[in-house]
PDB file of N, CA and C in Angstrom:
ATOM      1  N   MET A   1     -54.568  94.721  68.260  1.00  0.00           N
ATOM      2  CA  MET A   1     -54.630  96.115  67.629  1.00  0.00           C
ATOM      3  C   MET A   1     -55.966  96.803  68.634  1.00  0.00           C
ATOM      4  N   ILE A   2     -56.815  95.893  69.108  1.00  0.00           N
ATOM      5  CA  ILE A   2     -58.074  96.624  69.564  1.00  0.00           C
ATOM      6  C   ILE A   2     -57.287  97.430  70.980  1.00  0.00           C
ATOM      7  N   GLY A   3     -56.334  96.782  71.596  1.00  0.00           N
ATOM      8  CA  GLY A   3     -55.758  97.303  72.946  1.00  0.00           C
ATOM      9  C   GLY A   3     -55.155  98.568  72.606  1.00  0.00           C
ATOM     10  N   VAL A   4     -54.454  98.868  71.420  1.00  0.00           N
ATOM     11  CA  VAL A   4     -53.911  99.932  70.998  1.00  0.00           C
ATOM     12  C   VAL A   4     -54.836 100.881  70.684  1.00  0.00           C
ATOM     13  N   ILE A   5     -55.700 100.643  70.162  1.00  0.00           N
ATOM     14  CA  ILE A   5     -56.891 101.543  69.940  1.00  0.00           C
ATOM     15  C   ILE A   5     -57.556 102.078  71.099  1.00  0.00           C
ATOM     16  N   LYS A   6     -57.914 101.135  72.142  1.00  0.00           N
ATOM     17  CA  LYS A   6     -58.285 101.558  73.464  1.00  0.00           C
ATOM     18  C   LYS A   6     -57.229 102.527  74.024  1.00  0.00           C
ATOM     19  N   LYS A   7     -55.768 102.380  74.011  1.00  0.00           N
ATOM     20  CA  LYS A   7     -55.052 103.030  74.717  1.00  0.00           C
ATOM     21  C   LYS A   7     -54.991 104.682  74.266  1.00  0.00           C
ATOM     22  N   ILE A   8     -55.146 104.587  72.655  1.00  0.00           N
ATOM     23  CA  ILE A   8     -55.098 106.080  72.023  1.00  0.00           C
ATOM     24  C   ILE A   8     -56.507 106.729  72.416  1.00  0.00           C
ATOM     25  N   GLY A   9     -57.365 105.970  72.532  1.00  0.00           N
ATOM     26  CA  GLY A   9     -58.890 106.813  72.870  1.00  0.00           C
ATOM     27  C   GLY A   9     -58.772 106.869  74.530  1.00  0.00           C
ATOM     28  N   LEU A  10     -57.982 106.376  75.147  1.00  0.00           N
ATOM     29  CA  LEU A  10     -57.996 106.963  76.737  1.00  0.00           C
ATOM     30  C   LEU A  10     -56.790 108.044  76.521  1.00  0.00           C
ATOM     31  N   PHE A  11     -55.734 108.164  75.768  1.00  0.00           N
ATOM     32  CA  PHE A  11     -54.958 109.014  75.819  1.00  0.00           C
ATOM     33  C   PHE A  11     -55.542 110.364  75.189  1.00  0.00           C
ATOM     34  N   VAL A  12     -56.511 110.189  74.405  1.00  0.00           N
ATOM     35  CA  VAL A  12     -57.222 111.461  73.846  1.00  0.00           C
ATOM     36  C   VAL A  12     -58.475 111.809  75.031  1.00  0.00           C
ATOM     37  N   VAL A  13     -58.853 110.905  75.555  1.00  0.00           N
ATOM     38  CA  VAL A  13     -59.744 111.548  76.798  1.00  0.00           C
ATOM     39  C   VAL A  13     -58.709 112.149  78.001  1.00  0.00           C
ATOM     40  N   MET A  14     -57.718 111.549  77.996  1.00  0.00           N
ATOM     41  CA  MET A  14     -56.753 112.198  79.088  1.00  0.00           C
ATOM     42  C   MET A  14     -56.375 113.623  78.557  1.00  0.00           C
ATOM     43  N   LEU A  15     -56.073 113.866  77.442  1.00  0.00           N
ATOM     44  CA  LEU A  15     -55.812 115.233  77.133  1.00  0.00           C
ATOM     45  C   LEU A  15     -56.815 116.017  77.142  1.00  0.00           C
ATOM     46  N   LEU A  16     -58.151 115.731  76.684  1.00  0.00           N
ATOM     47  CA  LEU A  16     -59.219 116.701  76.929  1.00  0.00           C
ATOM     48  C   LEU A  16     -59.461 116.936  78.475  1.00  0.00           C
ATOM     49  N   CYS A  17     -59.309 115.865  79.303  1.00  0.00           N
ATOM     50  CA  CYS A  17     -59.744 116.206  80.361  1.00  0.00           C
ATOM     51  C   CYS A  17     -58.407 117.071  81.274  1.00  0.00           C
ATOM     52  N   SER A  18     -57.118 116.886  80.883  1.00  0.00           N
ATOM     53  CA  SER A  18     -56.293 117.785  81.232  1.00  0.00           C
ATOM     54  C   SER A  18     -56.361 119.310  80.696  1.00  0.00           C
ATOM     55  N   TYR A  19     -56.907 119.358  79.348  1.00  0.00           N
ATOM     56  CA  TYR A  19     -56.977 120.662  79.193  1.00  0.00           C
ATOM     57  C   TYR A  19     -58.419 121.392  79.735  1.00  0.00           C
ATOM     58  N   LEU A  20     -59.378 120.682  80.098  1.00  0.00           N
ATOM     59  CA  LEU A  20     -60.429 121.319  80.741  1.00  0.00           C
ATOM     60  C   LEU A  20     -60.487 121.685  82.204  1.00  0.00           C
ATOM     61  N   PHE A  21     -59.415 120.870  82.802  1.00  0.00           N
ATOM     62  CA  PHE A  21     -59.297 120.984  84.098  1.00  0.00           C
ATOM     63  C   PHE A  21     -57.945 121.695  84.450  1.00  0.00           C
ATOM     64  N   SER A  22     -57.256 122.220  83.593  1.00  0.00           N
ATOM     65  CA  SER A  22     -56.027 122.624  83.784  1.00  0.00           C
ATOM     66  C   SER A  22     -56.198 124.033  84.531  1.00  0.00           C
ATOM     67  N   PRO A  23     -57.438 124.964  84.388  1.00  0.00           N
ATOM     68  CA  PRO A  23     -57.448 125.930  85.275  1.00  0.00           C
ATOM     69  C   PRO A  23     -57.737 125.584  86.754  1.00  0.00           C
ATOM     70  N   LEU A  24     -58.509 124.646  87.036  1.00  0.00           N
ATOM     71  CA  LEU A  24     -58.459 124.243  88.356  1.00  0.00           C
ATOM     72  C   LEU A  24     -57.367 123.834  89.040  1.00  0.00           C
ATOM     73  N   ALA A  25     -56.400 122.841  88.104  1.00  0.00           N
ATOM     74  CA  ALA A  25     -55.363 122.528  88.879  1.00  0.00           C
ATOM     75  C   ALA A  25     -54.320 123.628  88.920  1.00  0.00           C
ATOM     76  N   GLY A  26     -54.307 124.520  88.195  1.00  0.00           N
ATOM     77  CA  GLY A  26     -53.571 125.707  88.236  1.00  0.00           C
ATOM     78  C   GLY A  26     -54.089 126.488  89.429  1.00  0.00           C
ATOM     79  N   GLU A  27     -55.147 126.594  89.865  1.00  0.00           N
ATOM     80  CA  GLU A  27     -55.657 127.200  91.166  1.00  0.00           C
ATOM     81  C   GLU A  27     -55.126 126.586  92.236  1.00  0.00           C
ATOM     82  N   LEU A  28     -55.184 125.101  92.092  1.00  0.00           N
ATOM     83  CA  LEU A  28     -54.734 124.244  93.336  1.00  0.00           C
ATOM     84  C   LEU A  28     -53.212 124.516  93.566  1.00  0.00           C
ATOM     85  N   TYR A  29     -52.615 124.663  92.314  1.00  0.00           N
ATOM     86  CA  TYR A  29     -51.057 124.833  92.450  1.00  0.00           C
ATOM     87  C   TYR A  29     -50.807 126.233  92.863  1.00  0.00           C
ATOM     88  N   ASP A  30     -51.660 127.127  92.562  1.00  0.00           N
ATOM     89  CA  ASP A  30     -51.343 128.480  93.258  1.00  0.00           C
ATOM     90  C   ASP A  30     -51.653 128.497  94.724  1.00  0.00           C
ATOM     91  N   LYS A  31     -52.519 127.704  94.996  1.00  0.00           N
ATOM     92  CA  LYS A  31     -52.966 127.767  96.714  1.00  0.00           C
ATOM     93  C   LYS A  31     -51.773 127.099  97.411  1.00  0.00           C
ATOM     94  N   VAL A  32     -51.213 126.148  96.747  1.00  0.00           N
ATOM     95  CA  VAL A  32     -50.259 125.147  97.467  1.00  0.00           C
ATOM     96  C   VAL A  32     -48.891 126.097  97.548  1.00  0.00           C
ATOM     97  N   VAL A  33     -48.358 126.483  96.357  1.00  0.00           N
ATOM     98  CA  VAL A  33     -47.233 126.914  96.151  1.00  0.00           C
ATOM     99  C   VAL A  33     -47.153 128.515  96.309  1.00  0.00           C
ATOM    100  N   ARG A  34     -48.059 129.301  96.178  1.00  0.00           N
ATOM    101  CA  ARG A  34     -48.177 130.775  96.058  1.00  0.00           C
ATOM    102  C   ARG A  34     -47.077 131.408  95.549  1.00  0.00           C
ATOM    103  N   SER A  35     -46.683 131.151  94.192  1.00  0.00           N
ATOM    104  CA  SER A  35     -45.790 131.531  93.492  1.00  0.00           C
ATOM    105  C   SER A  35     -46.155 131.728  92.030  1.00  0.00           C
ATOM    106  N   VAL A  36     -47.251 131.947  91.643  1.00  0.00           N
ATOM    107  CA  VAL A  36     -47.840 131.952  90.295  1.00  0.00           C
ATOM    108  C   VAL A  36     -48.426 133.550  90.028  1.00  0.00           C
ATOM    109  N   GLY A  37     -48.228 134.493  90.869  1.00  0.00           N
ATOM    110  CA  GLY A  37     -48.878 135.743  90.794  1.00  0.00           C
ATOM    111  C   GLY A  37     -48.268 136.392  89.808  1.00  0.00           C
ATOM    112  N   GLY A  38     -49.133 137.557  89.374  1.00  0.00           N
ATOM    113  CA  GLY A  38     -48.597 138.519  88.428  1.00  0.00           C
ATOM    114  C   GLY A  38     -49.798 138.971  87.489  1.00  0.00           C
ATOM    115  N   TRP A  39     -49.664 140.003  86.760  1.00  0.00           N
ATOM    116  CA  TRP A  39     -50.722 140.649  86.266  1.00  0.00           C
ATOM    117  C   TRP A  39     -51.275 139.615  85.002  1.00  0.00           C
ATOM    118  N   ILE A  40     -50.532 138.789  84.595  1.00  0.00           N
ATOM    119  CA  ILE A  40     -51.198 137.817  83.563  1.00  0.00           C
ATOM    120  C   ILE A  40     -51.470 136.434  84.355  1.00  0.00           C
ATOM    121  N   ASP A  41     -52.539 135.992  84.007  1.00  0.00           N
ATOM    122  CA  ASP A  41     -53.177 134.713  84.693  1.00  0.00           C
ATOM    123  C   ASP A  41     -52.505 133.587  83.849  1.00  0.00           C
ATOM    124  N   PHE A  42     -51.488 132.953  84.490  1.00  0.00           N
ATOM    125  CA  PHE A  42     -50.650 131.886  84.100  1.00  0.00           C
ATOM    126  C   PHE A  42     -51.369 130.476  84.686  1.00  0.00           C
ATOM    127  N   ARG A  43     -52.371 130.610  85.676  1.00  0.00           N
ATOM    128  CA  ARG A  43     -52.841 129.533  85.971  1.00  0.00           C
ATOM    129  C   ARG A  43     -53.197 128.161  85.205  1.00  0.00           C
ATOM    130  N   PRO A  44     -53.970 128.575  84.041  1.00  0.00           N
ATOM    131  CA  PRO A  44     -54.177 127.676  83.364  1.00  0.00           C
ATOM    132  C   PRO A  44     -53.056 126.779  82.510  1.00  0.00           C
ATOM    133  N   LEU A  45     -52.095 127.545  82.331  1.00  0.00           N
ATOM    134  CA  LEU A  45     -50.767 127.282  81.624  1.00  0.00           C
ATOM    135  C   LEU A  45     -50.026 126.150  82.606  1.00  0.00           C
ATOM    136  N   ILE A  46     -49.847 126.872  83.911  1.00  0.00           N
ATOM    137  CA  ILE A  46     -49.205 125.858  85.009  1.00  0.00           C
ATOM    138  C   ILE A  46     -49.885 124.798  85.257  1.00  0.00           C
ATOM    139  N   GLY A  47     -51.433 124.681  85.238  1.00  0.00           N
ATOM    140  CA  GLY A  47     -51.989 123.807  85.725  1.00  0.00           C
ATOM    141  C   GLY A  47     -52.225 122.619  84.492  1.00  0.00           C
ATOM    142  N   LEU A  48     -51.687 122.792  83.228  1.00  0.00           N
ATOM    143  CA  LEU A  48     -51.873 121.850  82.212  1.00  0.00           C
ATOM    144  C   LEU A  48     -51.090 120.670  82.546  1.00  0.00           C
ATOM    145  N   PRO A  49     -49.635 120.862  82.729  1.00  0.00           N
ATOM    146  CA  PRO A  49     -48.960 119.565  83.123  1.00  0.00           C
ATOM    147  C   PRO A  49     -49.610 118.898  84.579  1.00  0.00           C
ATOM    148  N   ALA A  50     -49.791 119.810  85.433  1.00  0.00           N
ATOM    149  CA  ALA A  50     -50.294 118.992  86.700  1.00  0.00           C
ATOM    150  C   ALA A  50     -51.420 118.096  86.527  1.00  0.00           C
ATOM    151  N   ALA A  51     -52.388 118.802  85.487  1.00  0.00           N
ATOM    152  CA  ALA A  51     -53.810 117.920  85.086  1.00  0.00           C
ATOM    153  C   ALA A  51     -53.436 116.677  84.432  1.00  0.00           C
ATOM    154  N   PHE A  52     -52.344 117.058  83.607  1.00  0.00           N
ATOM    155  CA  PHE A  52     -52.001 115.813  82.692  1.00  0.00           C
ATOM    156  C   PHE A  52     -51.310 114.705  83.532  1.00  0.00           C
ATOM    157  N   ILE A  53     -50.570 115.118  84.638  1.00  0.00           N
ATOM    158  CA  ILE A  53     -50.009 114.221  85.344  1.00  0.00           C
ATOM    159  C   ILE A  53     -50.907 113.743  86.358  1.00  0.00           C
ATOM    160  N   PHE A  54     -52.180 113.965  86.676  1.00  0.00           N
ATOM    161  CA  PHE A  54     -53.186 113.469  87.462  1.00  0.00           C
ATOM    162  C   PHE A  54     -54.104 112.538  86.577  1.00  0.00           C
ATOM    163  N   PHE A  55     -54.332 113.133  85.394  1.00  0.00           N
ATOM    164  CA  PHE A  55     -55.140 112.140  84.743  1.00  0.00           C
ATOM    165  C   PHE A  55     -54.565 110.918  84.145  1.00  0.00           C
ATOM    166  N   LEU A  56     -53.217 111.123  83.738  1.00  0.00           N
ATOM    167  CA  LEU A  56     -52.744 109.817  83.056  1.00  0.00           C
ATOM    168  C   LEU A  56     -52.725 108.729  83.865  1.00  0.00           C
ATOM    169  N   PRO A  57     -52.216 108.443  85.203  1.00  0.00           N
ATOM    170  CA  PRO A  57     -52.477 107.473  86.036  1.00  0.00           C
ATOM    171  C   PRO A  57     -53.866 107.202  86.229  1.00  0.00           C
ATOM    172  N   LEU A  58     -54.757 108.235  86.570  1.00  0.00           N
ATOM    173  CA  LEU A  58     -55.981 107.609  87.196  1.00  0.00           C
ATOM    174  C   LEU A  58     -56.601 106.975  85.670  1.00  0.00           C
ATOM    175  N   LEU A  59     -56.757 107.678  84.715  1.00  0.00           N
ATOM    176  CA  LEU A  59     -57.221 106.695  83.396  1.00  0.00           C
ATOM    177  C   LEU A  59     -56.605 105.483  83.171  1.00  0.00           C
ATOM    178  N   PHE A  60     -55.325 105.324  82.978  1.00  0.00           N
ATOM    179  CA  PHE A  60     -54.684 104.519  82.515  1.00  0.00           C
ATOM    180  C   PHE A  60     -54.618 103.303  83.615  1.00  0.00           C
ATOM    181  N   THR A  61     -54.610 103.597  84.822  1.00  0.00           N
ATOM    182  CA  THR A  61     -54.670 102.624  85.876  1.00  0.00           C
ATOM    183  C   THR A  61     -55.974 101.799  86.057  1.00  0.00           C
ATOM    184  N   ALA A  62     -57.179 102.669  85.855  1.00  0.00           N
ATOM    185  CA  ALA A  62     -58.436 102.490  86.107  1.00  0.00           C
ATOM    186  C   ALA A  62     -59.034 101.643  84.672  1.00  0.00           C
ATOM    187  N   PHE A  63     -58.589 101.845  83.461  1.00  0.00           N
ATOM    188  CA  PHE A  63     -59.109 101.472  82.291  1.00  0.00           C
ATOM    189  C   PHE A  63     -58.164 100.922  81.200  1.00  0.00           C
ATOM    190  N   GLY A  64     -56.790 100.755  81.684  1.00  0.00           N
ATOM    191  CA  GLY A  64     -55.738 100.658  80.675  1.00  0.00           C
ATOM    192  C   GLY A  64     -55.763  99.237  80.353  1.00  0.00           C
ATOM    193  N   GLY A  65     -55.857  98.131  81.094  1.00  0.00           N
ATOM    194  CA  GLY A  65     -55.872  96.785  80.850  1.00  0.00           C
ATOM    195  C   GLY A  65     -54.328  96.412  80.954  1.00  0.00           C
ATOM    196  N   LEU A  66     -53.858  95.589  79.744  1.00  0.00           N
ATOM    197  CA  LEU A  66     -52.663  95.074  79.765  1.00  0.00           C
ATOM    198  C   LEU A  66     -51.566  96.207  79.369  1.00  0.00           C
ATOM    199  N   LYS A  67     -50.296  96.226  80.044  1.00  0.00           N
ATOM    200  CA  LYS A  67     -49.171  97.053  79.608  1.00  0.00           C
ATOM    201  C   LYS A  67     -49.516  98.504  79.911  1.00  0.00           C
ATOM    202  N   LYS A  68     -50.501  98.499  81.047  1.00  0.00           N
ATOM    203  CA  LYS A  68     -50.847 100.172  81.475  1.00  0.00           C
ATOM    204  C   LYS A  68     -49.842 100.937  82.151  1.00  0.00           C
ATOM    205  N   TYR A  69     -49.029 100.113  82.801  1.00  0.00           N
ATOM    206  CA  TYR A  69     -47.797 101.062  83.638  1.00  0.00           C
ATOM    207  C   TYR A  69     -46.711 101.384  82.414  1.00  0.00           C
ATOM    208  N   TRP A  70     -46.757 100.529  81.479  1.00  0.00           N
ATOM    209  CA  TRP A  70     -45.466 100.558  80.459  1.00  0.00           C
ATOM    210  C   TRP A  70     -46.091 102.022  79.963  1.00  0.00           C
ATOM    211  N   TRP A  71     -47.495 102.141  79.410  1.00  0.00           N
ATOM    212  CA  TRP A  71     -47.862 103.252  78.860  1.00  0.00           C
ATOM    213  C   TRP A  71     -47.668 104.708  79.681  1.00  0.00           C
ATOM    214  N   ILE A  72     -48.225 104.251  80.983  1.00  0.00           N
ATOM    215  CA  ILE A  72     -48.001 105.537  82.010  1.00  0.00           C
ATOM    216  C   ILE A  72     -46.477 105.996  82.031  1.00  0.00           C
ATOM    217  N   GLY A  73     -45.548 105.002  82.250  1.00  0.00           N
ATOM    218  CA  GLY A  73     -44.243 105.377  82.178  1.00  0.00           C
ATOM    219  C   GLY A  73     -43.632 106.095  81.149  1.00  0.00           C
ATOM    220  N   ILE A  74     -44.119 105.679  79.788  1.00  0.00           N
ATOM    221  CA  ILE A  74     -43.648 106.383  78.523  1.00  0.00           C
ATOM    222  C   ILE A  74     -44.292 107.777  78.537  1.00  0.00           C
ATOM    223  N   LEU A  75     -45.648 107.966  78.670  1.00  0.00           N
ATOM    224  CA  LEU A  75     -46.315 109.282  78.535  1.00  0.00           C
ATOM    225  C   LEU A  75     -46.006 110.146  79.577  1.00  0.00           C
ATOM    226  N   LEU A  76     -45.539 109.793  80.573  1.00  0.00           N
ATOM    227  CA  LEU A  76     -45.311 110.761  81.654  1.00  0.00           C
ATOM    228  C   LEU A  76     -43.728 111.374  81.567  1.00  0.00           C
ATOM    229  N   LEU A  77     -43.098 110.738  80.684  1.00  0.00           N
ATOM    230  CA  LEU A  77     -41.736 111.326  80.701  1.00  0.00           C
ATOM    231  C   LEU A  77     -41.589 112.896  80.108  1.00  0.00           C
ATOM    232  N   PRO A  78     -42.122 113.366  78.908  1.00  0.00           N
ATOM    233  CA  PRO A  78     -42.364 114.660  78.792  1.00  0.00           C
ATOM    234  C   PRO A  78     -43.083 115.567  79.941  1.00  0.00           C
ATOM    235  N   ALA A  79     -44.112 114.952  80.359  1.00  0.00           N
ATOM    236  CA  ALA A  79     -44.281 115.980  81.658  1.00  0.00           C
ATOM    237  C   ALA A  79     -43.448 115.939  82.838  1.00  0.00           C
ATOM    238  N   ALA A  80     -42.734 114.899  83.101  1.00  0.00           N
ATOM    239  CA  ALA A  80     -41.884 115.003  84.316  1.00  0.00           C
ATOM    240  C   ALA A  80     -40.800 115.599  83.780  1.00  0.00           C
ATOM    241  N   ALA A  81     -40.109 115.705  82.710  1.00  0.00           N
ATOM    242  CA  ALA A  81     -38.926 116.606  82.211  1.00  0.00           C
ATOM    243  C   ALA A  81     -39.493 117.967  82.319  1.00  0.00           C
ATOM    244  N   PHE A  82     -40.616 118.267  81.739  1.00  0.00           N
ATOM    245  CA  PHE A  82     -41.177 119.602  82.207  1.00  0.00           C
ATOM    246  C   PHE A  82     -41.085 120.205  83.463  1.00  0.00           C
ATOM    247  N   GLU A  83     -41.631 119.447  84.189  1.00  0.00           N
ATOM    248  CA  GLU A  83     -41.626 119.703  85.925  1.00  0.00           C
ATOM    249  C   GLU A  83     -40.235 119.890  86.448  1.00  0.00           C
ATOM    250  N   VAL A  84     -39.420 118.908  86.019  1.00  0.00           N
ATOM    251  CA  VAL A  84     -38.030 119.006  86.527  1.00  0.00           C
ATOM    252  C   VAL A  84     -37.398 119.970  86.061  1.00  0.00           C
ATOM    253  N   TYR A  85     -37.598 120.273  84.918  1.00  0.00           N
ATOM    254  CA  TYR A  85     -36.925 121.647  84.239  1.00  0.00           C
ATOM    255  C   TYR A  85     -37.240 122.985  84.676  1.00  0.00           C
ATOM    256  N   PHE A  86     -38.487 122.961  85.036  1.00  0.00           N
ATOM    257  CA  PHE A  86     -39.271 124.398  84.880  1.00  0.00           C
ATOM    258  C   PHE A  86     -39.431 124.643  86.542  1.00  0.00           C
ATOM    259  N   ASP A  87     -39.863 123.485  87.365  1.00  0.00           N
ATOM    260  CA  ASP A  87     -40.298 123.640  88.715  1.00  0.00           C
ATOM    261  C   ASP A  87     -39.672 122.888  89.632  1.00  0.00           C
ATOM    262  N   TRP A  88     -38.217 122.434  89.624  1.00  0.00           N
ATOM    263  CA  TRP A  88     -37.623 121.632  90.651  1.00  0.00           C
ATOM    264  C   TRP A  88     -37.994 121.959  92.048  1.00  0.00           C
ATOM    265  N   ALA A  89     -38.047 123.420  92.378  1.00  0.00           N
ATOM    266  CA  ALA A  89     -38.088 123.538  93.808  1.00  0.00           C
ATOM    267  C   ALA A  89     -39.725 123.075  94.147  1.00  0.00           C
ATOM    268  N   HIS A  90     -40.632 122.995  93.394  1.00  0.00           N
ATOM    269  CA  HIS A  90     -41.825 122.302  93.885  1.00  0.00           C
ATOM    270  C   HIS A  90     -42.232 121.027  93.327  1.00  0.00           C
ATOM    271  N   ILE A  91     -41.174 120.088  93.297  1.00  0.00           N
ATOM    272  CA  ILE A  91     -41.273 118.834  92.437  1.00  0.00           C
ATOM    273  C   ILE A  91     -42.392 117.972  93.398  1.00  0.00           C
ATOM    274  N   TYR A  92     -42.636 118.196  94.775  1.00  0.00           N
ATOM    275  CA  TYR A  92     -43.396 117.370  95.474  1.00  0.00           C
ATOM    276  C   TYR A  92     -44.843 117.466  94.982  1.00  0.00           C
ATOM    277  N   PHE A  93     -45.402 118.782  94.508  1.00  0.00           N
ATOM    278  CA  PHE A  93     -46.586 118.794  94.075  1.00  0.00           C
ATOM    279  C   PHE A  93     -47.125 117.767  92.964  1.00  0.00           C
ATOM    280  N   PRO A  94     -46.477 117.851  91.721  1.00  0.00           N
ATOM    281  CA  PRO A  94     -46.782 116.957  90.793  1.00  0.00           C
ATOM    282  C   PRO A  94     -46.544 115.325  90.969  1.00  0.00           C
ATOM    283  N   ILE A  95     -45.516 115.104  91.915  1.00  0.00           N
ATOM    284  CA  ILE A  95     -45.374 113.879  92.709  1.00  0.00           C
ATOM    285  C   ILE A  95     -46.665 113.224  93.149  1.00  0.00           C
ATOM    286  N   ALA A  96     -47.004 114.129  94.125  1.00  0.00           N
ATOM    287  CA  ALA A  96     -48.308 114.089  94.889  1.00  0.00           C
ATOM    288  C   ALA A  96     -49.665 113.730  94.152  1.00  0.00           C
ATOM    289  N   ILE A  97     -49.975 114.762  93.183  1.00  0.00           N
ATOM    290  CA  ILE A  97     -51.064 114.658  92.557  1.00  0.00           C
ATOM    291  C   ILE A  97     -51.150 113.317  91.886  1.00  0.00           C
ATOM    292  N   GLY A  98     -49.726 112.977  91.017  1.00  0.00           N
ATOM    293  CA  GLY A  98     -49.568 112.004  90.401  1.00  0.00           C
ATOM    294  C   GLY A  98     -49.948 110.515  91.175  1.00  0.00           C
ATOM    295  N   LEU A  99     -49.632 110.578  92.361  1.00  0.00           N
ATOM    296  CA  LEU A  99     -49.897 109.479  93.460  1.00  0.00           C
ATOM    297  C   LEU A  99     -51.326 109.318  93.839  1.00  0.00           C
ATOM    298  N   ILE A 100     -51.836 110.495  94.070  1.00  0.00           N
ATOM    299  CA  ILE A 100     -53.454 110.646  94.178  1.00  0.00           C
ATOM    300  C   ILE A 100     -54.167 110.069  92.931  1.00  0.00           C
ATOM    301  N   GLY A 101     -53.793 110.659  91.858  1.00  0.00           N
ATOM    302  CA  GLY A 101     -54.185 109.662  90.611  1.00  0.00           C
ATOM    303  C   GLY A 101     -54.248 108.267  90.190  1.00  0.00           C
ATOM    304  N   TRP A 102     -53.116 107.927  90.815  1.00  0.00           N
ATOM    305  CA  TRP A 102     -52.857 106.568  90.544  1.00  0.00           C
ATOM    306  C   TRP A 102     -53.556 105.815  91.608  1.00  0.00           C
ATOM    307  N   LEU A 103     -53.813 106.110  92.963  1.00  0.00           N
ATOM    308  CA  LEU A 103     -54.526 105.607  93.965  1.00  0.00           C
ATOM    309  C   LEU A 103     -55.878 105.581  93.573  1.00  0.00           C
ATOM    310  N   LEU A 104     -56.300 106.610  93.133  1.00  0.00           N
ATOM    311  CA  LEU A 104     -58.006 106.701  92.492  1.00  0.00           C
ATOM    312  C   LEU A 104     -58.173 105.545  91.309  1.00  0.00           C
ATOM    313  N   GLY A 105     -57.133 105.745  90.583  1.00  0.00           N
ATOM    314  CA  GLY A 105     -57.616 104.711  89.349  1.00  0.00           C
ATOM    315  C   GLY A 105     -57.511 103.241  89.924  1.00  0.00           C
ATOM    316  N   LEU A 106     -56.449 102.914  90.933  1.00  0.00           N
ATOM    317  CA  LEU A 106     -56.347 101.826  91.316  1.00  0.00           C
ATOM    318  C   LEU A 106     -57.763 101.325  92.023  1.00  0.00           C
ATOM    319  N   GLY A 107     -58.162 102.103  92.854  1.00  0.00           N
ATOM    320  CA  GLY A 107     -59.662 101.921  93.551  1.00  0.00           C
ATOM    321  C   GLY A 107     -60.745 101.862  92.541  1.00  0.00           C
ATOM    322  N   ILE A 108     -60.480 102.473  91.582  1.00  0.00           N
ATOM    323  CA  ILE A 108     -61.763 102.366  90.424  1.00  0.00           C
ATOM    324  C   ILE A 108     -61.475 100.921  89.839  1.00  0.00           C
ATOM    325  N   SER A 109     -60.175 100.684  89.567  1.00  0.00           N
ATOM    326  CA  SER A 109     -59.970  99.537  88.690  1.00  0.00           C
ATOM    327  C   SER A 109     -60.302  98.133  89.749  1.00  0.00           C
ATOM    328  N   ARG A 110     -60.201  98.296  90.789  1.00  0.00           N
ATOM    329  CA  ARG A 110     -60.493  97.201  91.753  1.00  0.00           C
ATOM    330  C   ARG A 110     -62.209  97.202  92.018  1.00  0.00           C
ATOM    331  N   LEU A 111     -62.738  98.358  92.109  1.00  0.00           N
ATOM    332  CA  LEU A 111     -64.124  98.401  92.068  1.00  0.00           C
ATOM    333  C   LEU A 111     -64.693  97.704  90.892  1.00  0.00           C
ATOM    334  N   LEU A 112     -64.298  98.063  89.809  1.00  0.00           N
ATOM    335  CA  LEU A 112     -64.785  97.537  88.334  1.00  0.00           C
ATOM    336  C   LEU A 112     -64.618  95.874  88.292  1.00  0.00           C
ATOM    337  N   SER A 113     -63.282  95.255  88.807  1.00  0.00           N
ATOM    338  CA  SER A 113     -62.951  94.157  88.776  1.00  0.00           C
ATOM    339  C   SER A 113     -63.836  93.306  89.625  1.00  0.00           C
ATOM    340  N   ARG A 114     -64.149  93.938  90.691  1.00  0.00           N
ATOM    341  CA  ARG A 114     -64.985  93.189  91.903  1.00  0.00           C
ATOM    342  C   ARG A 114     -66.443  93.232  91.403  1.00  0.00           C
ATOM    343  N   SER A 115     -67.028  94.188  90.590  1.00  0.00           N
ATOM    344  CA  SER A 115     -68.294  94.164  90.138  1.00  0.00           C
ATOM    345  C   SER A 115     -68.529  93.045  88.769  1.00  0.00           C
ATOM    346  N   GLN A 116     -67.322  92.952  88.204  1.00  0.00           N
ATOM    347  CA  GLN A 116     -67.576  91.809  87.184  1.00  0.00           C
ATOM    348  C   GLN A 116     -67.430  90.415  87.663  1.00  0.00           C
ATOM    349  N   ASP A 117     -67.095  90.085  88.982  1.00  0.00           N
ATOM    350  CA  ASP A 117     -66.905  88.748  89.753  1.00  0.00           C
ATOM    351  C   ASP A 117     -68.395  88.527  90.065  1.00  0.00           C
ATOM    352  N   VAL A 118     -69.074  89.484  90.608  1.00  0.00           N
ATOM    353  CA  VAL A 118     -70.411  89.211  91.257  1.00  0.00           C
ATOM    354  C   VAL A 118     -71.376  88.802  90.247  1.00  0.00           C
TER     355      VAL A 118
END
C-alpha cells in the first residue's frame, strides 16, 4: 500500500514538473524542429508532452522502487499515442528525451544505491 502511495506521489511531482518545465521543453522542441512558429505561442503546449516524456522515466527510474518500469510503460502510453498521432514526422525528439530522462534516472538510482551501501 505504501508503494502505491509513493508511486502516486511521484506521479503528482512528475505532473507538476512537466507543467512547470513545459515552456522550456517547447523552446527546445522549437530549436530542434523549427516548425512551431506562428503568431500564437504554442511552445508551452507543445512542450507539455515532451516534458512529461522526460520527467516520467527520470523520476520513476530514480525513485520508483519495485515495478517502476511497469508504471513507466503504462503511464507513457497516452503521451506516446499523442506524439505518434500528432507529430509522427518528429518522433525522434520524444524518444531521445525519454532516453535521456531514463539514463539520468538510472544514474541517480545507482548513485543513491551506492551511497546507501557505504
